[in-house]
């Protein structure tokens, strides 16, 4: 906020919340509806800025302004972070309201109140539900890091979100993620002595302590929801799709084991512990069920889906997990493409081609006979050349074949279905073949059949799906000090 000079008015001050009418905006289309009311995509008439208008439902106006809306406005006014949705202002509609046919509803005193938010293009659930969609590992890391960063900011400011789920994680066309819908959020105290309602968080993402009836809780409830989102992104589907609370608890027990005083000290004192105690022993099977996940991802997921909330990882510690600091690294939303045509609309597809680069090394000692040659490209255990499973997977996808997921390799899959206006995707594979050939073999006119056969094998595997770059270096490069020489490029 700028401070006006003495004796002058601050004419640049933004309008007081509630002082403007919704007539300052042109509603373009309805983009959502729920218990809270309707959400519209709208354009501010004066500036042309695209915003989201969230209408506050006032069905029980005799009881006054909804407490959930008051709480959401109060919380969002104090939160200012790039990964938290921005509440721009509050506007009013003086009424009378109109019914679905556009006719006045007869109550001339009844108006409307709207929350004006920055506009976001997608939500995480909507993107994930697109046919054939599978997020790449850099994308998952990018979204998870932004989610944890925004949530850490909320927790530092003593705010519990209490409704983390895919539809409340909004994403723009640049890949920026923001936490939204703070209708169930509330402030908390560090001592966690206050009694809070346990009827929060959508069932599939609700932690076991709330399902068991506790009313004293803290930021750990949000971290359980984050763990569910994380597993869902990696697995491609929700992991706890319960129909009711008993079934939800049972699904949690089947994967995470049944709680007891050993793995969760004090759990027996929670109200519904005895009521929902399983009738048979249930061991923790999370590592077994998700053994195909990258071990860094699995390690982080274990800490997020810990039964005891006191031992569950915090957002701050999760951001320091090895998962975010090992290859492939999270993609950077700031580097995602954003270009506009003459009408100011986002272009639908990427114009610059991106590449996944693979290095294959072919090493040949002098051959005394063809009997020592390997069948390059066919035998993956060949000591002379191994076609990387990651390369094979890339080639399968580029060539239109779904390929076969290799156990333990899903997490390094660098390809994916192209997502419109969301994130940069790799479209081609670039293969660098390094042929290390003994100098004596070359100078003496030795047998080059081996290198030629292996090069042909690589060409058969790669063409037409990838670019190919051939490099020949001396086998004794360390001693000779020679440099790589690019001799062919297609």
Protein backbone atom coordinates (compact mmCIF):
# COMPACT_ATOMS: atom_id res chain seq x y z
CA UNK A 1 0.00 0.00 0.00
CA UNK A 2 1.46 3.38 -1.04
CA UNK A 3 1.48 6.20 1.52
CA UNK A 4 0.23 9.54 0.24
CA UNK A 5 2.30 12.66 0.73
CA UNK A 6 1.15 15.10 3.45
CA UNK A 7 -1.79 17.18 2.29
CA UNK A 8 -2.64 14.86 -0.58
CA UNK A 9 -5.23 12.15 -1.09
CA UNK A 10 -4.17 8.62 -1.97
CA UNK A 11 -6.07 8.40 -5.25
CA UNK A 12 -4.35 5.14 -6.19
CA UNK A 13 -5.79 3.22 -3.26
CA UNK A 14 -7.70 0.10 -4.30
CA UNK A 15 -11.48 0.15 -3.73
CA UNK A 16 -12.76 -0.77 -0.28
CA UNK A 17 -14.02 -4.35 -0.23
CA UNK A 18 -17.78 -4.41 -0.77
CA UNK A 19 -17.91 -0.91 -2.22
CA UNK A 20 -18.19 -2.06 -5.84
CA UNK A 21 -21.07 -3.74 -7.62
CA UNK A 22 -20.91 -7.03 -9.47
CA UNK A 23 -22.06 -4.98 -12.47
CA UNK A 24 -18.39 -4.00 -12.86
CA UNK A 25 -17.92 -7.51 -14.24
CA UNK A 26 -19.35 -9.32 -17.22
CA UNK A 27 -20.15 -12.96 -16.49
CA UNK A 28 -18.80 -15.13 -19.30
CA UNK A 29 -19.80 -18.62 -18.18
CA UNK A 30 -20.53 -20.70 -15.11
CA UNK A 31 -17.54 -22.92 -14.34
CA UNK A 32 -18.57 -24.56 -11.08
CA UNK A 33 -21.34 -25.11 -8.56
CA UNK A 34 -21.61 -26.72 -5.15
CA UNK A 35 -22.93 -26.29 -1.64
CA UNK A 36 -21.16 -22.93 -1.50
CA UNK A 37 -22.96 -21.49 -4.54
CA UNK A 38 -21.94 -20.83 -8.12
CA UNK A 39 -18.58 -19.89 -9.60
CA UNK A 40 -18.39 -17.84 -12.79
CA UNK A 41 -15.64 -16.93 -15.19
CA UNK A 42 -15.98 -13.18 -15.62
CA UNK A 43 -14.28 -10.18 -17.16
CA UNK A 44 -13.80 -6.85 -15.44
CA UNK A 45 -15.39 -4.40 -17.86
CA UNK A 46 -12.96 -1.54 -17.22
CA UNK A 47 -9.66 -3.44 -17.42
CA UNK A 48 -10.58 -6.59 -19.35
CA UNK A 49 -9.01 -8.77 -16.64
CA UNK A 50 -10.37 -12.32 -16.40
CA UNK A 51 -11.41 -13.29 -12.86
CA UNK A 52 -13.45 -15.93 -11.04
CA UNK A 53 -16.62 -14.80 -9.24
CA UNK A 54 -17.67 -17.05 -6.38
CA UNK A 55 -21.23 -16.32 -5.29
CA UNK A 56 -21.85 -16.83 -1.60
CA UNK A 57 -24.99 -18.86 -1.04
CA UNK A 58 -27.44 -16.91 1.12
CA UNK A 59 -30.36 -19.37 1.33
CA UNK A 60 -30.52 -18.94 5.12
CA UNK A 61 -30.06 -15.17 5.15
CA UNK A 62 -32.23 -14.91 8.29
CA UNK A 63 -29.32 -16.43 10.19
CA UNK A 64 -27.00 -13.72 8.89
CA UNK A 65 -23.88 -13.90 6.78
CA UNK A 66 -22.60 -17.53 6.55
CA UNK A 67 -19.90 -18.20 9.14
CA UNK A 68 -17.92 -20.30 6.66
CA UNK A 69 -17.76 -17.36 4.24
CA UNK A 70 -16.70 -14.99 7.03
CA UNK A 71 -13.95 -17.39 8.05
CA UNK A 72 -12.77 -17.89 4.46
CA UNK A 73 -12.63 -14.14 3.79
CA UNK A 74 -10.82 -13.43 7.05
CA UNK A 75 -8.21 -16.13 6.40
CA UNK A 76 -7.61 -15.23 2.76
CA UNK A 77 -7.18 -11.55 3.63
CA UNK A 78 -4.11 -12.42 5.69
CA UNK A 79 -2.61 -15.04 3.34
CA UNK A 80 -0.45 -13.68 0.53
CA UNK A 81 1.59 -16.35 -1.23
CA UNK A 82 2.20 -17.43 -4.82
CA UNK A 83 0.82 -20.91 -4.06
CA UNK A 84 -2.36 -19.69 -2.33
CA UNK A 85 -5.31 -18.40 -4.34
CA UNK A 86 -5.62 -14.62 -4.23
CA UNK A 87 -8.87 -13.06 -3.03
CA UNK A 88 -8.96 -9.75 -4.87
CA UNK A 89 -12.07 -8.13 -3.42
CA UNK A 90 -15.71 -8.54 -2.41
CA UNK A 91 -18.49 -7.15 -4.62
CA UNK A 92 -22.22 -6.98 -4.11
CA UNK A 93 -25.35 -7.30 -6.16
CA UNK A 94 -28.06 -5.01 -4.78
CA UNK A 95 -30.80 -7.19 -6.22
CA UNK A 96 -33.41 -8.23 -6.71
CA UNK A 97 -32.04 -11.66 -7.57
CA UNK A 98 -33.29 -13.52 -10.62
CA UNK A 99 -34.40 -17.11 -10.93
CA UNK A 100 -33.10 -19.67 -13.43
CA UNK A 101 -35.32 -18.19 -16.18
CA UNK A 102 -33.88 -14.73 -15.60
CA UNK A 103 -37.04 -13.39 -13.91
CA UNK A 104 -37.00 -11.48 -10.60
CA UNK A 105 -37.61 -13.81 -7.65
CA UNK A 106 -40.04 -11.40 -5.99
CA UNK A 107 -37.86 -10.36 -3.05
CA UNK A 108 -36.77 -6.80 -3.84
CA UNK A 109 -34.55 -6.68 -0.76
CA UNK A 110 -32.59 -9.81 -1.61
CA UNK A 111 -29.18 -9.26 -3.20
CA UNK A 112 -25.99 -11.24 -3.65
CA UNK A 113 -22.41 -11.19 -2.45
CA UNK A 114 -19.49 -12.36 -4.57
CA UNK A 115 -15.86 -13.12 -3.79
CA UNK A 116 -13.55 -12.08 -6.63
CA UNK A 117 -10.58 -14.41 -7.17
CA UNK A 118 -7.76 -14.52 -9.66
CA UNK A 119 -8.71 -16.85 -12.49
CA UNK A 120 -7.08 -20.27 -12.80
CA UNK A 121 -7.47 -22.43 -15.90
CA UNK A 122 -7.66 -25.95 -14.45
CA UNK A 123 -7.86 -28.02 -11.31
CA UNK A 124 -5.68 -31.06 -10.65
CA UNK A 125 -8.57 -33.55 -10.74
CA UNK A 126 -9.81 -32.20 -14.06
CA UNK A 127 -6.38 -32.58 -15.62
CA UNK A 128 -5.82 -36.06 -14.19
CA UNK A 129 -9.21 -37.27 -15.46
CA UNK A 130 -8.44 -36.50 -19.09
CA UNK A 131 -8.45 -39.70 -21.17
CA UNK A 132 -4.98 -41.17 -21.49
CA UNK A 133 -3.48 -38.61 -19.15
CA UNK A 134 -0.50 -39.62 -17.03
CA UNK A 135 1.66 -37.00 -15.38
CA UNK A 136 5.41 -37.25 -15.84
CA UNK A 137 7.68 -37.44 -12.81
CA UNK A 138 8.96 -33.85 -13.23
CA UNK A 139 5.34 -32.69 -13.36
CA UNK A 140 4.41 -34.63 -10.22
CA UNK A 141 7.41 -33.25 -8.39
CA UNK A 142 6.55 -29.75 -9.61
CA UNK A 143 2.94 -29.93 -8.39
CA UNK A 144 3.84 -31.63 -5.11
CA UNK A 145 6.54 -29.09 -4.33
CA UNK A 146 4.15 -26.20 -4.95
CA UNK A 147 1.44 -27.86 -2.87
CA UNK A 148 3.81 -28.39 0.05
CA UNK A 149 5.21 -24.86 -0.25
CA UNK A 150 1.75 -23.30 -0.10
CA UNK A 151 0.67 -25.58 2.73
CA UNK A 152 3.83 -24.86 4.72
CA UNK A 153 3.05 -21.15 4.40
CA UNK A 154 -0.49 -21.76 5.71
CA UNK A 155 0.74 -23.82 8.65
CA UNK A 156 3.40 -21.26 9.57
CA UNK A 157 0.59 -18.71 9.67
CA UNK A 158 -1.43 -21.11 11.85
CA UNK A 159 -4.08 -21.94 9.27
CA UNK A 160 -5.43 -25.45 8.68
CA UNK A 161 -6.89 -25.95 5.21
CA UNK A 162 -8.96 -29.04 6.13
CA UNK A 163 -10.08 -29.86 2.59
CA UNK A 164 -7.01 -30.74 0.53
CA UNK A 165 -8.12 -32.63 -2.58
CA UNK A 166 -7.48 -32.48 -6.31
CA UNK A 167 -10.44 -30.26 -7.16
CA UNK A 168 -9.20 -27.64 -4.67
CA UNK A 169 -5.74 -27.47 -6.24
CA UNK A 170 -5.96 -25.01 -9.11
CA UNK A 171 -3.42 -24.86 -11.94
CA UNK A 172 -2.93 -22.19 -14.56
CA UNK A 173 -1.63 -22.56 -18.10
CA UNK A 174 1.94 -21.97 -16.94
CA UNK A 175 1.89 -24.89 -14.50
CA UNK A 176 1.52 -22.75 -11.36
CA UNK A 177 -0.46 -24.48 -8.60
CA UNK A 178 -2.46 -22.68 -5.91
CA UNK A 179 -4.40 -23.91 -2.89
CA UNK A 180 -8.03 -22.84 -3.14
CA UNK A 181 -11.42 -23.19 -1.40
CA UNK A 182 -10.70 -22.21 2.20
CA UNK A 183 -14.35 -22.67 3.19
CA UNK A 184 -13.44 -25.30 5.80
CA UNK A 185 -10.17 -23.66 6.84
CA UNK A 186 -9.64 -22.20 10.27
CA UNK A 187 -6.92 -20.82 12.48
CA UNK A 188 -5.37 -23.06 15.12
CA UNK A 189 -3.18 -22.70 18.19
CA UNK A 190 0.13 -24.49 18.59
CA UNK A 191 -0.95 -26.26 21.79
CA UNK A 192 -3.83 -27.98 19.91
CA UNK A 193 -5.99 -27.93 23.06
CA UNK A 194 -9.01 -26.40 21.32
CA UNK A 195 -11.85 -28.74 20.36
CA UNK A 196 -12.35 -28.72 16.60
CA UNK A 197 -14.94 -30.50 14.51
CA UNK A 198 -13.90 -33.80 12.97
CA UNK A 199 -16.52 -33.51 10.21
CA UNK A 200 -14.06 -31.95 7.78
CA UNK A 201 -11.95 -33.09 4.80
CA UNK A 202 -13.51 -35.05 1.94
CA UNK A 203 -13.83 -38.72 2.92
CA UNK A 204 -11.21 -40.18 0.56
CA UNK A 205 -8.58 -37.76 1.92
CA UNK A 206 -9.63 -37.79 5.58
CA UNK A 207 -6.98 -38.98 8.06
CA UNK A 208 -7.59 -41.85 10.49
CA UNK A 209 -7.57 -39.62 13.60
CA UNK A 210 -10.61 -37.70 12.33
CA UNK A 211 -12.39 -40.89 11.29
CA UNK A 212 -11.81 -42.23 14.82
CA UNK A 213 -13.45 -39.13 16.29
CA UNK A 214 -10.65 -36.97 17.67
CA UNK A 215 -11.40 -33.27 18.13
CA UNK A 216 -7.87 -32.19 18.96
CA UNK A 217 -5.63 -32.04 15.93
CA UNK A 218 -3.24 -29.85 13.98
CA UNK A 219 -1.41 -29.55 10.63
CA UNK A 220 -0.89 -33.32 10.40
CA UNK A 221 -4.47 -33.73 9.12
CA UNK A 222 -3.55 -31.75 6.00
CA UNK A 223 -0.39 -33.80 5.50
CA UNK A 224 -2.39 -37.05 5.37
CA UNK A 225 -4.47 -35.52 2.56
CA UNK A 226 -1.27 -34.50 0.76
CA UNK A 227 -0.05 -38.09 1.03
CA UNK A 228 -3.28 -39.32 -0.58
CA UNK A 229 -2.83 -36.82 -3.42
CA UNK A 230 0.81 -37.87 -3.85
CA UNK A 231 -0.05 -41.57 -4.09
CA UNK A 232 -2.91 -40.79 -6.46
CA UNK A 233 -0.60 -38.93 -8.83
CA UNK A 234 1.90 -41.79 -8.82
CA UNK A 235 -0.68 -44.58 -9.05
CA UNK A 236 -3.07 -42.87 -11.44
CA UNK A 237 -6.15 -43.37 -9.26
CA UNK A 238 -7.37 -42.69 -5.68
CA UNK A 239 -5.94 -45.12 -3.14
CA UNK A 240 -8.69 -44.91 -0.47
CA UNK A 241 -12.04 -44.69 -2.35
CA UNK A 242 -14.30 -45.54 0.59
CA UNK A 243 -18.10 -45.30 0.40
CA UNK A 244 -18.59 -44.49 4.08
CA UNK A 245 -16.51 -43.98 7.21
CA UNK A 246 -16.25 -47.66 8.26
CA UNK A 247 -15.17 -48.69 4.76
CA UNK A 248 -12.76 -45.77 4.62
CA UNK A 249 -11.07 -46.87 7.84
CA UNK A 250 -10.92 -50.44 6.61
CA UNK A 251 -9.17 -49.39 3.41
CA UNK A 252 -6.65 -47.40 5.44
CA UNK A 253 -6.03 -50.36 7.76
CA UNK A 254 -5.54 -52.72 4.80
CA UNK A 255 -2.74 -50.56 3.44
CA UNK A 256 -1.27 -48.88 6.52
CA UNK A 257 -1.99 -51.52 9.14
CA UNK A 258 -4.29 -51.39 12.17
CA UNK A 259 -3.45 -48.81 14.85
CA UNK A 260 -2.35 -49.87 18.32
CA UNK A 261 -0.49 -48.43 21.28
CA UNK A 262 2.83 -49.48 19.76
CA UNK A 263 2.58 -47.69 16.40
CA UNK A 264 0.29 -44.93 17.69
CA UNK A 265 0.67 -44.16 21.41
CA UNK A 266 -2.61 -42.92 22.89
CA UNK A 267 -4.81 -44.15 20.06
CA UNK A 268 -6.91 -46.30 22.42
CA UNK A 269 -8.19 -43.12 24.08
CA UNK A 270 -9.72 -41.76 20.86
CA UNK A 271 -13.56 -42.02 21.00
CA UNK A 272 -14.25 -44.56 18.23
CA UNK A 273 -11.11 -46.68 18.51
CA UNK A 274 -12.85 -49.74 19.98
CA UNK A 275 -15.88 -49.36 17.72
CA UNK A 276 -13.82 -49.61 14.52
CA UNK A 277 -11.14 -51.99 15.72
CA UNK A 278 -10.58 -54.62 12.97
CA UNK A 279 -11.58 -58.19 13.78
CA UNK A 280 -8.41 -59.65 12.27
CA UNK A 281 -4.71 -58.71 12.39
CA UNK A 282 -3.78 -56.21 9.66
CA UNK A 283 -0.13 -55.44 8.93
CA UNK A 284 1.26 -52.42 7.15
CA UNK A 285 1.57 -53.25 3.43
CA UNK A 286 2.30 -49.84 1.92
CA UNK A 287 5.84 -50.72 0.76
CA UNK A 288 4.63 -54.02 -0.69
CA UNK A 289 1.67 -52.54 -2.58
CA UNK A 290 3.68 -49.62 -3.98
CA UNK A 291 6.98 -51.43 -4.45
CA UNK A 292 7.04 -50.25 -8.08
CA UNK A 293 7.39 -46.62 -6.95
CA UNK A 294 10.80 -44.96 -6.93
CA UNK A 295 12.36 -45.62 -3.52
CA UNK A 296 12.67 -41.88 -2.76
CA UNK A 297 8.99 -41.40 -3.58
CA UNK A 298 8.05 -44.42 -1.47
CA UNK A 299 10.12 -43.15 1.46
CA UNK A 300 8.32 -39.79 1.38
CA UNK A 301 4.91 -41.43 0.98
CA UNK A 302 5.61 -43.64 4.03
CA UNK A 303 6.21 -40.55 6.15
CA UNK A 304 3.07 -38.81 4.88
CA UNK A 305 0.78 -41.80 5.43
CA UNK A 306 1.96 -42.51 8.97
CA UNK A 307 -0.95 -43.48 11.22
CA UNK A 308 0.28 -41.53 14.25
CA UNK A 309 -0.21 -37.82 13.48
CA UNK A 310 2.55 -36.95 15.94
CA UNK A 311 5.04 -38.87 13.78
CA UNK A 312 3.66 -37.75 10.41
CA UNK A 313 6.06 -35.62 8.37
CA UNK A 314 5.54 -31.84 8.25
CA UNK A 315 5.29 -29.80 5.06
CA UNK A 316 8.63 -28.17 5.83
CA UNK A 317 10.45 -31.48 6.26
CA UNK A 318 8.74 -32.95 3.20
CA UNK A 319 10.18 -30.17 1.05
CA UNK A 320 13.65 -31.28 2.13
CA UNK A 321 13.02 -34.91 1.16
CA UNK A 322 15.50 -36.55 -1.23
CA UNK A 323 12.64 -37.08 -3.68
CA UNK A 324 12.73 -33.43 -4.74
CA UNK A 325 16.53 -33.30 -5.06
CA UNK A 326 17.21 -36.33 -7.25
CA UNK A 327 16.87 -36.75 -11.01
CA UNK A 328 14.59 -36.12 -12.71
CA UNK A 329 14.24 -32.77 -10.95
CA UNK A 330 10.91 -30.92 -10.69
CA UNK A 331 10.09 -28.87 -13.76
CA UNK A 332 10.00 -25.12 -13.24
CA UNK A 333 6.58 -23.48 -13.84
CA UNK A 334 8.31 -20.20 -14.64
CA UNK A 335 9.90 -21.87 -17.66
CA UNK A 336 6.67 -23.30 -19.02
CA UNK A 337 5.54 -21.78 -22.27
CA UNK A 338 3.02 -19.01 -22.35
CA UNK A 339 2.39 -17.32 -25.65
CA UNK A 340 -0.54 -15.33 -26.93
CA UNK A 341 -1.97 -14.86 -30.37
CA UNK A 342 -3.34 -11.59 -31.74
CA UNK A 343 -6.61 -12.07 -29.87
CA UNK A 344 -4.82 -12.51 -26.55
CA UNK A 345 -5.79 -16.17 -26.23
CA UNK A 346 -3.36 -18.87 -25.17
CA UNK A 347 -1.93 -20.94 -27.99
CA UNK A 348 -3.01 -24.51 -27.64
CA UNK A 349 0.15 -26.39 -28.44
CA UNK A 350 3.86 -26.08 -27.96
CA UNK A 351 5.72 -24.77 -30.98
CA UNK A 352 9.29 -25.53 -29.87
CA UNK A 353 10.29 -29.18 -29.87
CA UNK A 354 11.81 -30.64 -26.72
CA UNK A 355 14.08 -33.65 -26.49
CA UNK A 356 14.85 -36.47 -24.12
CA UNK A 357 18.54 -37.22 -24.49
CA UNK A 358 20.03 -40.70 -24.01
CA UNK A 359 23.67 -41.70 -24.17
CA UNK A 360 24.58 -45.17 -25.44
CA UNK A 361 28.16 -46.35 -25.22
CA UNK A 362 29.64 -48.96 -27.57
CA UNK A 363 33.08 -50.23 -26.51
CA UNK A 364 35.11 -52.62 -28.66
CA UNK A 365 38.41 -54.28 -27.82
CA UNK A 366 40.41 -55.74 -30.72
CA UNK A 367 38.60 -58.78 -32.08
CA UNK A 368 40.47 -61.90 -33.10
CA UNK A 369 37.38 -63.39 -34.65
CA UNK A 370 33.75 -62.68 -35.22
CA UNK A 371 32.87 -65.25 -32.55
CA UNK A 372 33.50 -62.67 -29.83
CA UNK A 373 31.04 -60.17 -31.28
CA UNK A 374 27.81 -59.45 -29.48
CA UNK A 375 24.36 -59.24 -30.97
CA UNK A 376 24.01 -55.56 -30.19
CA UNK A 377 20.59 -54.19 -29.46
CA UNK A 378 19.04 -57.63 -29.04
CA UNK A 379 20.65 -58.87 -25.85
CA UNK A 380 20.05 -56.43 -22.97
CA UNK A 381 22.62 -58.24 -20.84
CA UNK A 382 25.31 -57.63 -23.46
CA UNK A 383 28.47 -56.28 -21.82
CA UNK A 384 29.35 -54.26 -24.92
CA UNK A 385 26.10 -52.39 -25.37
CA UNK A 386 22.87 -52.21 -23.43
CA UNK A 387 19.88 -50.41 -24.86
CA UNK A 388 18.66 -48.43 -21.86
CA UNK A 389 15.12 -49.50 -20.76
CA UNK A 390 14.33 -45.80 -20.43
CA UNK A 391 15.25 -45.31 -24.09
CA UNK A 392 13.17 -48.30 -25.16
CA UNK A 393 10.21 -46.90 -23.24
CA UNK A 394 10.64 -43.47 -24.85
CA UNK A 395 10.78 -45.00 -28.30
CA UNK A 396 7.66 -47.07 -27.66
CA UNK A 397 5.71 -43.97 -26.67
CA UNK A 398 6.99 -41.77 -29.50
CA UNK A 399 6.16 -44.47 -32.05
CA UNK A 400 2.62 -44.77 -30.76
CA UNK A 401 3.00 -47.99 -28.83
CA UNK A 402 2.01 -47.97 -25.16
CA UNK A 403 5.11 -49.92 -24.25
CA UNK A 404 5.46 -52.10 -21.20
CA UNK A 405 6.03 -50.47 -17.82
CA UNK A 406 9.18 -51.85 -16.30
CA UNK A 407 9.12 -52.56 -12.57
CA UNK A 408 11.05 -49.84 -10.79
CA UNK A 409 11.27 -47.67 -13.92
CA UNK A 410 7.92 -45.84 -13.85
CA UNK A 411 9.34 -43.01 -11.82
CA UNK A 412 11.93 -42.09 -14.45
CA UNK A 413 9.54 -42.14 -17.39
CA UNK A 414 10.20 -38.78 -19.07
CA UNK A 415 7.36 -38.98 -21.56
CA UNK A 416 3.64 -38.46 -21.27
CA UNK A 417 0.47 -37.52 -23.07
CA UNK A 418 0.66 -33.92 -24.20
CA UNK A 419 -1.47 -31.68 -22.02
CA UNK A 420 -3.08 -28.69 -23.65
CA UNK A 421 -1.96 -25.38 -22.16
CA UNK A 422 -0.52 -26.96 -19.05
CA UNK A 423 3.08 -28.03 -19.26
CA UNK A 424 5.86 -28.64 -21.72
CA UNK A 425 6.08 -32.19 -23.00
CA UNK A 426 8.99 -34.00 -24.69
CA UNK A 427 8.10 -34.76 -28.28
CA UNK A 428 11.24 -36.45 -29.60
CA UNK A 429 14.08 -38.58 -28.36
CA UNK A 430 17.64 -37.63 -29.12
CA UNK A 431 20.11 -40.51 -28.95
CA UNK A 432 23.83 -39.88 -28.64
CA UNK A 433 25.79 -42.99 -29.55
CA UNK A 434 29.36 -42.91 -28.32
CA UNK A 435 31.61 -45.44 -30.04
CA UNK A 436 34.83 -46.03 -28.17
CA UNK A 437 37.10 -47.96 -30.51
CA UNK A 438 40.66 -49.02 -29.78
CA UNK A 439 43.07 -46.76 -31.72
CA UNK A 440 45.30 -49.71 -32.64
CA UNK A 441 42.30 -51.36 -34.27
CA UNK A 442 41.60 -48.29 -36.40
CA UNK A 443 45.21 -47.51 -37.36
CA UNK A 444 46.00 -51.10 -38.23
CA UNK A 445 42.98 -51.48 -40.46
CA UNK A 446 41.45 -53.89 -37.99
CA UNK A 447 38.02 -55.47 -38.22
CA UNK A 448 35.26 -52.81 -38.04
CA UNK A 449 32.45 -55.31 -38.48
CA UNK A 450 31.60 -55.15 -34.77
CA UNK A 451 31.06 -51.38 -34.61
CA UNK A 452 29.13 -51.42 -37.87
CA UNK A 453 26.81 -54.22 -36.74
CA UNK A 454 26.09 -52.48 -33.46
CA UNK A 455 25.51 -49.15 -35.17
CA UNK A 456 23.01 -50.78 -37.53
CA UNK A 457 21.26 -52.30 -34.52
CA UNK A 458 20.95 -48.89 -32.93
CA UNK A 459 19.60 -47.39 -36.16
CA UNK A 460 16.97 -50.12 -36.44
CA UNK A 461 15.86 -49.48 -32.85
CA UNK A 462 15.84 -45.72 -33.13
CA UNK A 463 14.71 -44.74 -36.62
CA UNK A 464 12.25 -43.18 -37.31
CA UNK A 465 11.42 -42.26 -33.74
CA UNK A 466 14.51 -40.34 -32.73
CA UNK A 467 17.27 -38.05 -33.79
CA UNK A 468 20.65 -39.72 -33.85
CA UNK A 469 24.04 -38.24 -33.10
CA UNK A 470 27.12 -40.41 -33.60
CA UNK A 471 30.35 -39.70 -31.77
CA UNK A 472 33.58 -41.69 -32.09
CA UNK A 473 36.20 -41.37 -29.38
CA UNK A 474 39.42 -43.28 -28.73
CA UNK A 475 39.07 -46.17 -26.33
CA UNK A 476 42.10 -44.88 -24.41
CA UNK A 477 40.75 -41.36 -24.22
CA UNK A 478 42.17 -40.77 -20.74
CA UNK A 479 45.72 -41.46 -21.92
CA UNK A 480 45.44 -39.88 -25.35
CA UNK A 481 43.62 -36.70 -24.23
CA UNK A 482 41.51 -36.74 -27.38
CA UNK A 483 38.26 -34.84 -27.70
CA UNK A 484 34.91 -36.13 -28.88
CA UNK A 485 34.33 -35.69 -32.57
CA UNK A 486 30.86 -35.53 -34.06
CA UNK A 487 31.13 -37.35 -37.35
CA UNK A 488 27.49 -37.76 -38.31
CA UNK A 489 24.18 -36.21 -37.44
CA UNK A 490 20.75 -36.96 -38.87
